[in-house]
């Protein structure tokens, strides 16, 4: 996703616990891209895309609570029981959007970019013809507006599903998960679900 945003003209800081491993990626993207630590990324960005194993959310929220406060967080994580443990049951029971908000308190969370692998997203970005739809859900109007713009800048069409509780519809196993369809098709499917 960061690569798509750099190509759209955004400054992006790619982060990792080992930012030196990102050198070849950022060098190939030019001056709008750089690498840094998790704390540097949280300080750098007004918008944060979080794409880590869901089991890491509680510790991230604890370690970086101050840095997450007030940030728009595009939450692309999926809770997988065999990888993430008990938090996956919590996300399934309470809803993944609500669970993310619990572990990243103070962040303005928008669920987005979680419905397919990064490879499928990269292959479908800015495709010819009708763009692929990306479902999003969140409770903050400004955060939703920013997320919609970033979805468009990445080469997709956003479809606002509703508040964070509605993120269940496009969570793993949900009826809109993994759907390579247009915004119009997604809106039609959404009507049939309600």
N, C-alpha and C. Protein backbone atom coordinates (compact mmCIF):
# COMPACT_ATOMS: atom_id res chain seq x y z
N UNK A 1 0.83 -1.18 0.00
CA UNK A 1 0.00 0.00 0.00
C UNK A 1 0.88 1.25 0.00
N UNK A 2 1.92 1.22 0.78
CA UNK A 2 2.82 2.37 0.82
C UNK A 2 3.41 2.68 -0.53
N UNK A 3 3.75 1.65 -1.28
CA UNK A 3 4.30 1.84 -2.62
C UNK A 3 3.29 2.55 -3.51
N UNK A 4 2.02 2.14 -3.44
CA UNK A 4 0.97 2.78 -4.24
C UNK A 4 0.82 4.25 -3.85
N UNK A 5 0.92 4.54 -2.56
CA UNK A 5 0.77 5.94 -2.11
C UNK A 5 1.97 6.79 -2.52
N UNK A 6 3.16 6.22 -2.50
CA UNK A 6 4.33 6.97 -2.98
C UNK A 6 4.13 7.31 -4.45
N UNK A 7 3.69 6.33 -5.24
CA UNK A 7 3.45 6.57 -6.67
C UNK A 7 2.38 7.63 -6.90
N UNK A 8 1.48 7.81 -5.93
CA UNK A 8 0.43 8.83 -6.02
C UNK A 8 0.91 10.18 -5.49
N UNK A 9 2.17 10.26 -5.02
CA UNK A 9 2.73 11.53 -4.57
C UNK A 9 2.75 11.77 -3.08
N UNK A 10 2.43 10.77 -2.27
CA UNK A 10 2.45 10.91 -0.81
C UNK A 10 3.83 10.58 -0.25
N UNK A 11 4.20 11.27 0.81
CA UNK A 11 5.39 10.89 1.57
C UNK A 11 5.01 9.72 2.46
N UNK A 12 5.83 8.68 2.46
CA UNK A 12 5.53 7.48 3.23
C UNK A 12 6.76 7.05 4.01
N UNK A 13 6.56 6.74 5.28
CA UNK A 13 7.61 6.15 6.09
C UNK A 13 7.21 4.70 6.35
N UNK A 14 7.99 3.78 5.82
CA UNK A 14 7.78 2.35 6.02
C UNK A 14 8.48 1.98 7.32
N UNK A 15 7.78 1.25 8.19
CA UNK A 15 8.42 0.93 9.46
C UNK A 15 8.48 -0.57 9.71
N UNK A 16 9.40 -0.90 10.58
CA UNK A 16 9.64 -2.28 10.95
C UNK A 16 10.47 -2.27 12.23
N UNK A 17 10.46 -3.39 12.92
CA UNK A 17 11.39 -3.51 14.05
C UNK A 17 12.82 -3.51 13.56
N UNK A 18 12.99 -3.79 12.26
CA UNK A 18 14.32 -3.83 11.63
C UNK A 18 14.28 -2.95 10.37
N UNK A 19 14.26 -1.62 10.55
CA UNK A 19 14.10 -0.73 9.39
C UNK A 19 15.23 -0.85 8.36
N UNK A 20 16.38 -1.31 8.78
CA UNK A 20 17.49 -1.47 7.83
C UNK A 20 17.14 -2.49 6.74
N UNK A 21 16.23 -3.41 7.04
CA UNK A 21 15.81 -4.40 6.06
C UNK A 21 14.92 -3.81 4.97
N UNK A 22 14.48 -2.58 5.15
CA UNK A 22 13.61 -1.90 4.18
C UNK A 22 14.39 -1.01 3.22
N UNK A 23 15.71 -0.96 3.37
CA UNK A 23 16.54 -0.04 2.59
C UNK A 23 16.34 -0.20 1.08
N UNK A 24 16.38 -1.42 0.58
CA UNK A 24 16.25 -1.59 -0.88
C UNK A 24 14.86 -1.16 -1.36
N UNK A 25 13.82 -1.41 -0.57
CA UNK A 25 12.47 -0.97 -0.93
C UNK A 25 12.40 0.55 -1.07
N UNK A 26 12.83 1.26 -0.03
CA UNK A 26 12.70 2.72 -0.05
C UNK A 26 13.66 3.35 -1.05
N UNK A 27 14.84 2.79 -1.22
CA UNK A 27 15.77 3.33 -2.22
C UNK A 27 15.17 3.26 -3.62
N UNK A 28 14.42 2.20 -3.90
CA UNK A 28 13.81 2.03 -5.21
C UNK A 28 12.60 2.92 -5.45
N UNK A 29 12.06 3.50 -4.38
CA UNK A 29 10.87 4.33 -4.52
C UNK A 29 11.18 5.82 -4.63
N UNK A 30 12.39 6.21 -4.31
CA UNK A 30 12.76 7.61 -4.47
C UNK A 30 12.58 8.43 -3.21
N UNK A 31 12.64 9.77 -3.35
CA UNK A 31 12.71 10.66 -2.20
C UNK A 31 11.44 10.76 -1.35
N UNK A 32 10.31 10.29 -1.84
CA UNK A 32 9.09 10.33 -1.03
C UNK A 32 9.00 9.20 -0.03
N UNK A 33 9.90 8.23 -0.14
CA UNK A 33 9.87 7.06 0.74
C UNK A 33 11.09 7.04 1.64
N UNK A 34 10.85 6.61 2.87
CA UNK A 34 11.96 6.38 3.78
C UNK A 34 11.57 5.29 4.76
N UNK A 35 12.51 4.80 5.50
CA UNK A 35 12.28 3.73 6.46
C UNK A 35 12.60 4.22 7.86
N UNK A 36 11.94 3.62 8.84
CA UNK A 36 12.20 3.99 10.22
C UNK A 36 11.60 2.99 11.18
N UNK A 37 11.76 3.27 12.44
CA UNK A 37 11.23 2.41 13.50
C UNK A 37 9.72 2.63 13.62
N UNK A 38 9.08 1.79 14.39
CA UNK A 38 7.65 1.91 14.62
C UNK A 38 7.35 3.27 15.26
N UNK A 39 8.13 3.65 16.26
CA UNK A 39 7.90 4.94 16.93
C UNK A 39 8.09 6.10 15.95
N UNK A 40 9.10 6.03 15.09
CA UNK A 40 9.31 7.08 14.10
C UNK A 40 8.12 7.17 13.14
N UNK A 41 7.58 6.04 12.74
CA UNK A 41 6.43 6.04 11.83
C UNK A 41 5.21 6.65 12.50
N UNK A 42 4.98 6.30 13.76
CA UNK A 42 3.83 6.84 14.48
C UNK A 42 3.96 8.35 14.71
N UNK A 43 5.16 8.83 14.86
CA UNK A 43 5.40 10.25 15.03
C UNK A 43 5.31 10.98 13.69
N UNK A 44 5.79 10.35 12.63
CA UNK A 44 5.85 10.93 11.30
C UNK A 44 4.47 11.13 10.68
N UNK A 45 3.63 10.11 10.75
CA UNK A 45 2.40 10.10 9.96
C UNK A 45 1.19 10.68 10.66
N UNK A 46 0.35 11.34 9.85
CA UNK A 46 -0.99 11.73 10.32
C UNK A 46 -1.93 10.54 10.18
N UNK A 47 -1.60 9.66 9.23
CA UNK A 47 -2.36 8.45 8.99
C UNK A 47 -1.40 7.28 9.07
N UNK A 48 -1.82 6.26 9.78
CA UNK A 48 -0.99 5.06 9.98
C UNK A 48 -1.75 3.87 9.40
N UNK A 49 -1.10 3.10 8.54
CA UNK A 49 -1.66 1.82 8.10
C UNK A 49 -0.99 0.76 8.96
N UNK A 50 -1.80 0.00 9.66
CA UNK A 50 -1.24 -1.05 10.51
C UNK A 50 -1.54 -2.40 9.85
N UNK A 51 -0.48 -3.10 9.54
CA UNK A 51 -0.58 -4.40 8.88
C UNK A 51 0.37 -5.39 9.53
N UNK A 52 0.08 -5.73 10.76
CA UNK A 52 0.91 -6.68 11.52
C UNK A 52 0.00 -7.81 12.01
N UNK A 53 0.56 -8.93 12.46
CA UNK A 53 -0.30 -9.97 13.03
C UNK A 53 -1.17 -9.39 14.14
N UNK A 54 -2.44 -9.76 14.13
CA UNK A 54 -3.41 -9.16 15.06
C UNK A 54 -3.04 -9.39 16.52
N UNK A 55 -2.37 -10.47 16.81
CA UNK A 55 -1.96 -10.75 18.18
C UNK A 55 -1.01 -9.70 18.75
N UNK A 56 -0.40 -8.88 17.89
CA UNK A 56 0.51 -7.83 18.35
C UNK A 56 -0.22 -6.56 18.78
N UNK A 57 -1.51 -6.43 18.47
CA UNK A 57 -2.24 -5.19 18.76
C UNK A 57 -2.21 -4.79 20.25
N UNK A 58 -2.47 -5.71 21.18
CA UNK A 58 -2.45 -5.28 22.59
C UNK A 58 -1.10 -4.67 23.00
N UNK A 59 0.00 -5.30 22.60
CA UNK A 59 1.31 -4.78 22.98
C UNK A 59 1.61 -3.46 22.27
N UNK A 60 1.26 -3.35 20.99
CA UNK A 60 1.44 -2.08 20.27
C UNK A 60 0.67 -0.96 20.95
N UNK A 61 -0.58 -1.24 21.29
CA UNK A 61 -1.41 -0.24 21.96
C UNK A 61 -0.85 0.18 23.30
N UNK A 62 -0.27 -0.76 24.02
CA UNK A 62 0.33 -0.47 25.32
C UNK A 62 1.63 0.32 25.15
N UNK A 63 2.49 -0.14 24.25
CA UNK A 63 3.80 0.48 24.07
C UNK A 63 3.73 1.87 23.45
N UNK A 64 2.72 2.10 22.59
CA UNK A 64 2.67 3.35 21.82
C UNK A 64 1.35 4.09 21.99
N UNK A 65 0.73 3.97 23.16
CA UNK A 65 -0.58 4.59 23.40
C UNK A 65 -0.54 6.09 23.10
N UNK A 66 0.49 6.78 23.55
CA UNK A 66 0.58 8.23 23.34
C UNK A 66 0.70 8.56 21.86
N UNK A 67 1.46 7.78 21.13
CA UNK A 67 1.68 8.03 19.71
C UNK A 67 0.43 7.74 18.87
N UNK A 68 -0.37 6.76 19.28
CA UNK A 68 -1.59 6.42 18.55
C UNK A 68 -2.72 7.44 18.79
N UNK A 69 -2.68 8.13 19.92
CA UNK A 69 -3.78 9.02 20.29
C UNK A 69 -4.02 10.08 19.21
N UNK A 70 -5.27 10.11 18.73
CA UNK A 70 -5.68 11.10 17.74
C UNK A 70 -5.32 10.75 16.30
N UNK A 71 -4.50 9.74 16.08
CA UNK A 71 -4.08 9.38 14.72
C UNK A 71 -5.22 8.65 14.00
N UNK A 72 -5.27 8.84 12.69
CA UNK A 72 -6.15 8.03 11.86
C UNK A 72 -5.38 6.74 11.58
N UNK A 73 -6.00 5.61 11.94
CA UNK A 73 -5.35 4.31 11.77
C UNK A 73 -6.17 3.50 10.79
N UNK A 74 -5.56 3.19 9.64
CA UNK A 74 -6.16 2.27 8.69
C UNK A 74 -5.78 0.87 9.15
N UNK A 75 -6.76 0.17 9.65
CA UNK A 75 -6.57 -1.12 10.30
C UNK A 75 -6.77 -2.23 9.29
N UNK A 76 -5.67 -2.82 8.83
CA UNK A 76 -5.71 -3.87 7.82
C UNK A 76 -5.48 -5.26 8.39
N UNK A 77 -5.46 -5.37 9.71
CA UNK A 77 -5.17 -6.65 10.33
C UNK A 77 -6.36 -7.60 10.32
N UNK A 78 -6.07 -8.88 10.34
CA UNK A 78 -7.07 -9.93 10.47
C UNK A 78 -6.69 -10.83 11.63
N UNK A 79 -7.68 -11.18 12.44
CA UNK A 79 -7.45 -12.03 13.60
C UNK A 79 -7.59 -13.50 13.19
N UNK A 80 -6.49 -14.23 13.25
CA UNK A 80 -6.45 -15.63 12.84
C UNK A 80 -6.11 -16.47 14.08
N UNK A 81 -7.00 -17.36 14.44
CA UNK A 81 -6.86 -18.11 15.69
C UNK A 81 -5.52 -18.84 15.79
N UNK A 82 -5.13 -19.59 14.77
CA UNK A 82 -3.89 -20.39 14.88
C UNK A 82 -2.64 -19.52 15.00
N UNK A 83 -2.69 -18.30 14.48
CA UNK A 83 -1.53 -17.41 14.55
C UNK A 83 -1.61 -16.47 15.75
N UNK A 84 -2.79 -15.93 16.01
CA UNK A 84 -2.94 -14.84 16.98
C UNK A 84 -3.46 -15.26 18.34
N UNK A 85 -3.94 -16.47 18.47
CA UNK A 85 -4.41 -16.95 19.76
C UNK A 85 -5.77 -16.41 20.15
N UNK A 86 -5.96 -16.26 21.45
CA UNK A 86 -7.27 -15.94 22.03
C UNK A 86 -7.87 -14.62 21.52
N UNK A 87 -7.05 -13.66 21.15
CA UNK A 87 -7.59 -12.40 20.66
C UNK A 87 -8.46 -12.60 19.41
N UNK A 88 -8.20 -13.67 18.67
CA UNK A 88 -9.02 -13.96 17.49
C UNK A 88 -10.45 -14.31 17.90
N UNK A 89 -10.60 -15.06 19.01
CA UNK A 89 -11.94 -15.36 19.52
C UNK A 89 -12.64 -14.08 19.98
N UNK A 90 -11.89 -13.21 20.63
CA UNK A 90 -12.45 -11.94 21.09
C UNK A 90 -12.93 -11.10 19.89
N UNK A 91 -12.12 -11.05 18.85
CA UNK A 91 -12.49 -10.28 17.66
C UNK A 91 -13.73 -10.88 16.98
N UNK A 92 -13.81 -12.18 16.94
CA UNK A 92 -14.97 -12.84 16.33
C UNK A 92 -16.23 -12.58 17.17
N UNK A 93 -16.08 -12.63 18.48
CA UNK A 93 -17.24 -12.46 19.37
C UNK A 93 -17.71 -11.00 19.43
N UNK A 94 -16.78 -10.07 19.58
CA UNK A 94 -17.13 -8.65 19.77
C UNK A 94 -17.14 -7.85 18.48
N UNK A 95 -16.56 -8.40 17.43
CA UNK A 95 -16.39 -7.67 16.18
C UNK A 95 -14.97 -7.15 16.09
N UNK A 96 -14.37 -7.28 14.93
CA UNK A 96 -12.96 -6.92 14.80
C UNK A 96 -12.73 -5.42 14.92
N UNK A 97 -13.64 -4.61 14.40
CA UNK A 97 -13.49 -3.16 14.51
C UNK A 97 -13.53 -2.70 15.96
N UNK A 98 -14.48 -3.23 16.71
CA UNK A 98 -14.63 -2.90 18.13
C UNK A 98 -13.40 -3.37 18.91
N UNK A 99 -12.89 -4.55 18.58
CA UNK A 99 -11.72 -5.09 19.26
C UNK A 99 -10.48 -4.24 18.97
N UNK A 100 -10.30 -3.83 17.73
CA UNK A 100 -9.17 -2.95 17.40
C UNK A 100 -9.25 -1.65 18.20
N UNK A 101 -10.44 -1.08 18.28
CA UNK A 101 -10.62 0.17 19.04
C UNK A 101 -10.28 -0.02 20.51
N UNK A 102 -10.57 -1.19 21.05
CA UNK A 102 -10.24 -1.49 22.45
C UNK A 102 -8.73 -1.47 22.67
N UNK A 103 -7.97 -2.07 21.76
CA UNK A 103 -6.53 -2.20 21.95
C UNK A 103 -5.73 -1.00 21.45
N UNK A 104 -6.35 -0.14 20.67
CA UNK A 104 -5.69 1.08 20.19
C UNK A 104 -6.54 2.28 20.61
N UNK A 105 -6.77 2.44 21.92
CA UNK A 105 -7.66 3.50 22.39
C UNK A 105 -7.13 4.88 22.01
N UNK A 106 -8.03 5.75 21.63
CA UNK A 106 -7.65 7.10 21.26
C UNK A 106 -7.35 7.26 19.78
N UNK A 107 -7.13 6.15 19.08
CA UNK A 107 -6.90 6.20 17.64
C UNK A 107 -8.25 6.30 16.94
N UNK A 108 -8.27 6.96 15.80
CA UNK A 108 -9.48 7.04 14.98
C UNK A 108 -9.37 5.95 13.92
N UNK A 109 -9.97 4.82 14.23
CA UNK A 109 -9.77 3.60 13.44
C UNK A 109 -10.74 3.53 12.27
N UNK A 110 -10.19 3.17 11.13
CA UNK A 110 -10.98 2.83 9.94
C UNK A 110 -10.49 1.47 9.47
N UNK A 111 -11.38 0.49 9.46
CA UNK A 111 -11.03 -0.83 8.92
C UNK A 111 -10.96 -0.69 7.41
N UNK A 112 -9.85 -1.12 6.82
CA UNK A 112 -9.65 -1.02 5.37
C UNK A 112 -8.51 -1.93 4.95
N UNK A 113 -8.52 -2.33 3.70
CA UNK A 113 -7.43 -3.09 3.07
C UNK A 113 -7.17 -4.44 3.72
N UNK A 114 -8.16 -5.02 4.37
CA UNK A 114 -7.97 -6.30 5.04
C UNK A 114 -8.57 -7.47 4.29
N UNK A 115 -9.22 -7.23 3.15
CA UNK A 115 -10.00 -8.29 2.53
C UNK A 115 -9.23 -9.18 1.58
N UNK A 116 -8.02 -8.80 1.21
CA UNK A 116 -7.21 -9.65 0.34
C UNK A 116 -5.73 -9.40 0.59
N UNK A 117 -4.93 -10.29 0.05
CA UNK A 117 -3.49 -10.19 0.25
C UNK A 117 -2.93 -8.96 -0.47
N UNK A 118 -1.78 -8.52 -0.03
CA UNK A 118 -1.16 -7.36 -0.66
C UNK A 118 -0.86 -7.62 -2.13
N UNK A 119 -0.59 -8.86 -2.48
CA UNK A 119 -0.31 -9.18 -3.89
C UNK A 119 -1.54 -8.96 -4.77
N UNK A 120 -2.69 -9.41 -4.28
CA UNK A 120 -3.93 -9.20 -5.05
C UNK A 120 -4.27 -7.73 -5.11
N UNK A 121 -4.02 -7.00 -4.04
CA UNK A 121 -4.27 -5.56 -4.07
C UNK A 121 -3.35 -4.89 -5.09
N UNK A 122 -2.07 -5.24 -5.05
CA UNK A 122 -1.11 -4.64 -5.99
C UNK A 122 -1.50 -4.95 -7.43
N UNK A 123 -1.94 -6.17 -7.69
CA UNK A 123 -2.32 -6.56 -9.05
C UNK A 123 -3.57 -5.82 -9.54
N UNK A 124 -4.43 -5.41 -8.61
CA UNK A 124 -5.70 -4.78 -8.99
C UNK A 124 -5.71 -3.26 -8.87
N UNK A 125 -4.66 -2.67 -8.35
CA UNK A 125 -4.61 -1.22 -8.20
C UNK A 125 -4.61 -0.55 -9.58
N UNK A 126 -5.44 0.45 -9.73
CA UNK A 126 -5.50 1.22 -10.98
C UNK A 126 -5.72 0.34 -12.21
N UNK A 127 -6.46 -0.74 -12.05
CA UNK A 127 -6.70 -1.63 -13.18
C UNK A 127 -7.56 -0.94 -14.22
N UNK A 128 -7.46 -1.36 -15.46
CA UNK A 128 -8.30 -0.77 -16.50
C UNK A 128 -9.78 -1.10 -16.26
N UNK A 129 -10.64 -0.24 -16.73
CA UNK A 129 -12.07 -0.46 -16.54
C UNK A 129 -12.49 -0.05 -15.14
N UNK A 130 -13.54 -0.69 -14.64
CA UNK A 130 -14.06 -0.36 -13.31
C UNK A 130 -13.07 -0.78 -12.24
N UNK A 131 -12.83 0.12 -11.31
CA UNK A 131 -11.89 -0.15 -10.22
C UNK A 131 -12.47 -1.17 -9.25
N UNK A 132 -11.57 -1.85 -8.55
CA UNK A 132 -11.98 -2.78 -7.51
C UNK A 132 -12.43 -1.99 -6.28
N UNK A 133 -13.45 -2.48 -5.62
CA UNK A 133 -13.98 -1.85 -4.41
C UNK A 133 -13.18 -2.27 -3.18
N UNK A 134 -12.98 -1.31 -2.29
CA UNK A 134 -12.38 -1.58 -0.98
C UNK A 134 -13.41 -1.18 0.07
N UNK A 135 -13.93 -2.15 0.84
CA UNK A 135 -14.87 -1.79 1.91
C UNK A 135 -14.13 -1.13 3.07
N UNK A 136 -14.76 -0.12 3.65
CA UNK A 136 -14.19 0.55 4.83
C UNK A 136 -15.28 0.75 5.87
N UNK A 137 -14.87 0.82 7.12
CA UNK A 137 -15.81 1.05 8.22
C UNK A 137 -15.10 1.82 9.31
N UNK A 138 -15.80 2.78 9.88
CA UNK A 138 -15.23 3.57 10.98
C UNK A 138 -16.27 4.49 11.57
N UNK A 139 -15.93 5.08 12.71
CA UNK A 139 -16.88 5.91 13.40
C UNK A 139 -16.59 7.40 13.39
N UNK A 140 -15.47 7.80 12.80
CA UNK A 140 -15.09 9.21 12.79
C UNK A 140 -15.19 9.74 11.37
N UNK A 141 -16.01 10.78 11.16
CA UNK A 141 -16.26 11.30 9.80
C UNK A 141 -14.99 11.76 9.10
N UNK A 142 -14.13 12.48 9.82
CA UNK A 142 -12.89 12.95 9.19
C UNK A 142 -12.01 11.76 8.80
N UNK A 143 -11.92 10.78 9.68
CA UNK A 143 -11.10 9.60 9.39
C UNK A 143 -11.64 8.84 8.19
N UNK A 144 -12.94 8.72 8.09
CA UNK A 144 -13.57 8.05 6.93
C UNK A 144 -13.25 8.82 5.65
N UNK A 145 -13.36 10.15 5.71
CA UNK A 145 -13.08 10.98 4.53
C UNK A 145 -11.63 10.83 4.07
N UNK A 146 -10.70 10.85 5.01
CA UNK A 146 -9.28 10.68 4.69
C UNK A 146 -9.05 9.27 4.11
N UNK A 147 -9.67 8.27 4.72
CA UNK A 147 -9.52 6.89 4.24
C UNK A 147 -10.05 6.76 2.81
N UNK A 148 -11.19 7.37 2.53
CA UNK A 148 -11.74 7.32 1.17
C UNK A 148 -10.75 7.90 0.16
N UNK A 149 -10.15 9.04 0.50
CA UNK A 149 -9.18 9.67 -0.41
C UNK A 149 -7.97 8.77 -0.62
N UNK A 150 -7.48 8.14 0.44
CA UNK A 150 -6.31 7.26 0.32
C UNK A 150 -6.63 5.99 -0.47
N UNK A 151 -7.85 5.48 -0.33
CA UNK A 151 -8.26 4.32 -1.12
C UNK A 151 -8.24 4.71 -2.60
N UNK A 152 -8.79 5.88 -2.92
CA UNK A 152 -8.79 6.34 -4.32
C UNK A 152 -7.35 6.55 -4.83
N UNK A 153 -6.52 7.18 -4.00
CA UNK A 153 -5.13 7.44 -4.40
C UNK A 153 -4.36 6.14 -4.66
N UNK A 154 -4.75 5.07 -3.98
CA UNK A 154 -4.10 3.77 -4.18
C UNK A 154 -4.62 3.04 -5.42
N UNK A 155 -5.69 3.59 -6.03
CA UNK A 155 -6.19 3.00 -7.26
C UNK A 155 -7.42 2.13 -7.11
N UNK A 156 -8.23 2.39 -6.09
CA UNK A 156 -9.44 1.61 -5.82
C UNK A 156 -10.61 2.56 -5.59
N UNK A 157 -11.81 2.00 -5.47
CA UNK A 157 -13.00 2.76 -5.10
C UNK A 157 -13.42 2.37 -3.69
N UNK A 158 -13.55 3.35 -2.79
CA UNK A 158 -14.00 3.03 -1.43
C UNK A 158 -15.51 2.81 -1.37
N UNK A 159 -15.92 1.90 -0.51
CA UNK A 159 -17.34 1.70 -0.21
C UNK A 159 -17.47 1.74 1.31
N UNK A 160 -18.13 2.77 1.81
CA UNK A 160 -18.32 2.90 3.26
C UNK A 160 -19.44 1.95 3.67
N UNK A 161 -19.09 1.01 4.54
CA UNK A 161 -20.03 -0.01 4.99
C UNK A 161 -20.83 0.49 6.19
N UNK A 162 -20.20 1.27 7.07
CA UNK A 162 -20.87 1.78 8.26
C UNK A 162 -19.86 2.03 9.36
N UNK A 163 -20.34 1.98 10.61
CA UNK A 163 -19.48 2.16 11.77
C UNK A 163 -18.59 0.95 12.01
N UNK A 164 -17.74 1.04 13.03
CA UNK A 164 -16.79 -0.05 13.29
C UNK A 164 -17.46 -1.40 13.52
N UNK A 165 -18.66 -1.38 14.11
CA UNK A 165 -19.34 -2.65 14.34
C UNK A 165 -19.69 -3.36 13.03
N UNK A 166 -19.86 -2.60 11.95
CA UNK A 166 -20.22 -3.20 10.67
C UNK A 166 -19.01 -3.82 9.95
N UNK A 167 -17.82 -3.67 10.49
CA UNK A 167 -16.63 -4.27 9.89
C UNK A 167 -16.72 -5.80 9.87
N UNK A 168 -17.63 -6.36 10.64
CA UNK A 168 -17.84 -7.82 10.63
C UNK A 168 -18.18 -8.31 9.22
N UNK A 169 -18.87 -7.47 8.46
CA UNK A 169 -19.34 -7.87 7.13
C UNK A 169 -18.18 -8.18 6.19
N UNK A 170 -17.04 -7.49 6.40
CA UNK A 170 -15.90 -7.77 5.52
C UNK A 170 -14.68 -8.28 6.28
N UNK A 171 -14.92 -8.81 7.50
CA UNK A 171 -13.86 -9.51 8.24
C UNK A 171 -13.69 -10.89 7.61
N UNK A 172 -12.59 -11.56 7.93
CA UNK A 172 -12.39 -12.92 7.42
C UNK A 172 -13.61 -13.76 7.71
N UNK A 173 -14.10 -14.45 6.68
CA UNK A 173 -15.29 -15.28 6.84
C UNK A 173 -16.58 -14.54 6.59
N UNK A 174 -16.52 -13.20 6.52
CA UNK A 174 -17.71 -12.40 6.26
C UNK A 174 -18.09 -12.41 4.79
N UNK A 175 -19.32 -12.03 4.46
CA UNK A 175 -19.79 -12.12 3.09
C UNK A 175 -19.09 -11.19 2.09
N UNK A 176 -18.44 -10.13 2.55
CA UNK A 176 -17.72 -9.25 1.62
C UNK A 176 -16.21 -9.44 1.67
N UNK A 177 -15.75 -10.45 2.40
CA UNK A 177 -14.32 -10.73 2.48
C UNK A 177 -13.85 -11.39 1.19
N UNK A 178 -12.71 -10.92 0.67
CA UNK A 178 -12.09 -11.54 -0.49
C UNK A 178 -12.82 -11.30 -1.80
N UNK A 179 -13.66 -10.30 -1.86
CA UNK A 179 -14.47 -10.04 -3.05
C UNK A 179 -13.77 -9.07 -3.99
N UNK A 180 -13.45 -9.55 -5.17
CA UNK A 180 -12.85 -8.73 -6.23
C UNK A 180 -13.99 -8.24 -7.11
N UNK A 181 -14.69 -7.20 -6.61
CA UNK A 181 -15.86 -6.67 -7.30
C UNK A 181 -15.80 -5.15 -7.35
N UNK A 182 -16.64 -4.56 -8.16
CA UNK A 182 -16.68 -3.10 -8.27
C UNK A 182 -17.47 -2.50 -7.11
N UNK A 183 -17.38 -1.19 -6.97
CA UNK A 183 -18.12 -0.50 -5.91
C UNK A 183 -19.63 -0.70 -6.09
N UNK A 184 -20.10 -0.63 -7.33
CA UNK A 184 -21.53 -0.81 -7.58
C UNK A 184 -21.97 -2.22 -7.19
N UNK A 185 -21.16 -3.22 -7.54
CA UNK A 185 -21.50 -4.60 -7.17
C UNK A 185 -21.47 -4.77 -5.65
N UNK A 186 -20.51 -4.13 -4.98
CA UNK A 186 -20.43 -4.24 -3.52
C UNK A 186 -21.63 -3.58 -2.87
N UNK A 187 -22.04 -2.44 -3.36
CA UNK A 187 -23.22 -1.76 -2.80
C UNK A 187 -24.47 -2.61 -2.99
N UNK A 188 -24.60 -3.28 -4.13
CA UNK A 188 -25.75 -4.17 -4.35
C UNK A 188 -25.72 -5.34 -3.38
N UNK A 189 -24.55 -5.94 -3.18
CA UNK A 189 -24.44 -7.06 -2.22
C UNK A 189 -24.74 -6.59 -0.81
N UNK A 190 -24.29 -5.39 -0.50
CA UNK A 190 -24.54 -4.84 0.83
C UNK A 190 -26.04 -4.67 1.08
N UNK A 191 -26.78 -4.21 0.08
CA UNK A 191 -28.25 -4.06 0.22
C UNK A 191 -28.88 -5.40 0.51
N UNK A 192 -28.42 -6.46 -0.13
CA UNK A 192 -29.00 -7.77 0.08
C UNK A 192 -28.69 -8.34 1.47
N UNK A 193 -27.65 -7.80 2.11
CA UNK A 193 -27.27 -8.28 3.45
C UNK A 193 -28.03 -7.58 4.56
N UNK A 194 -28.65 -6.46 4.21
CA UNK A 194 -29.31 -5.67 5.26
C UNK A 194 -30.77 -5.92 5.34
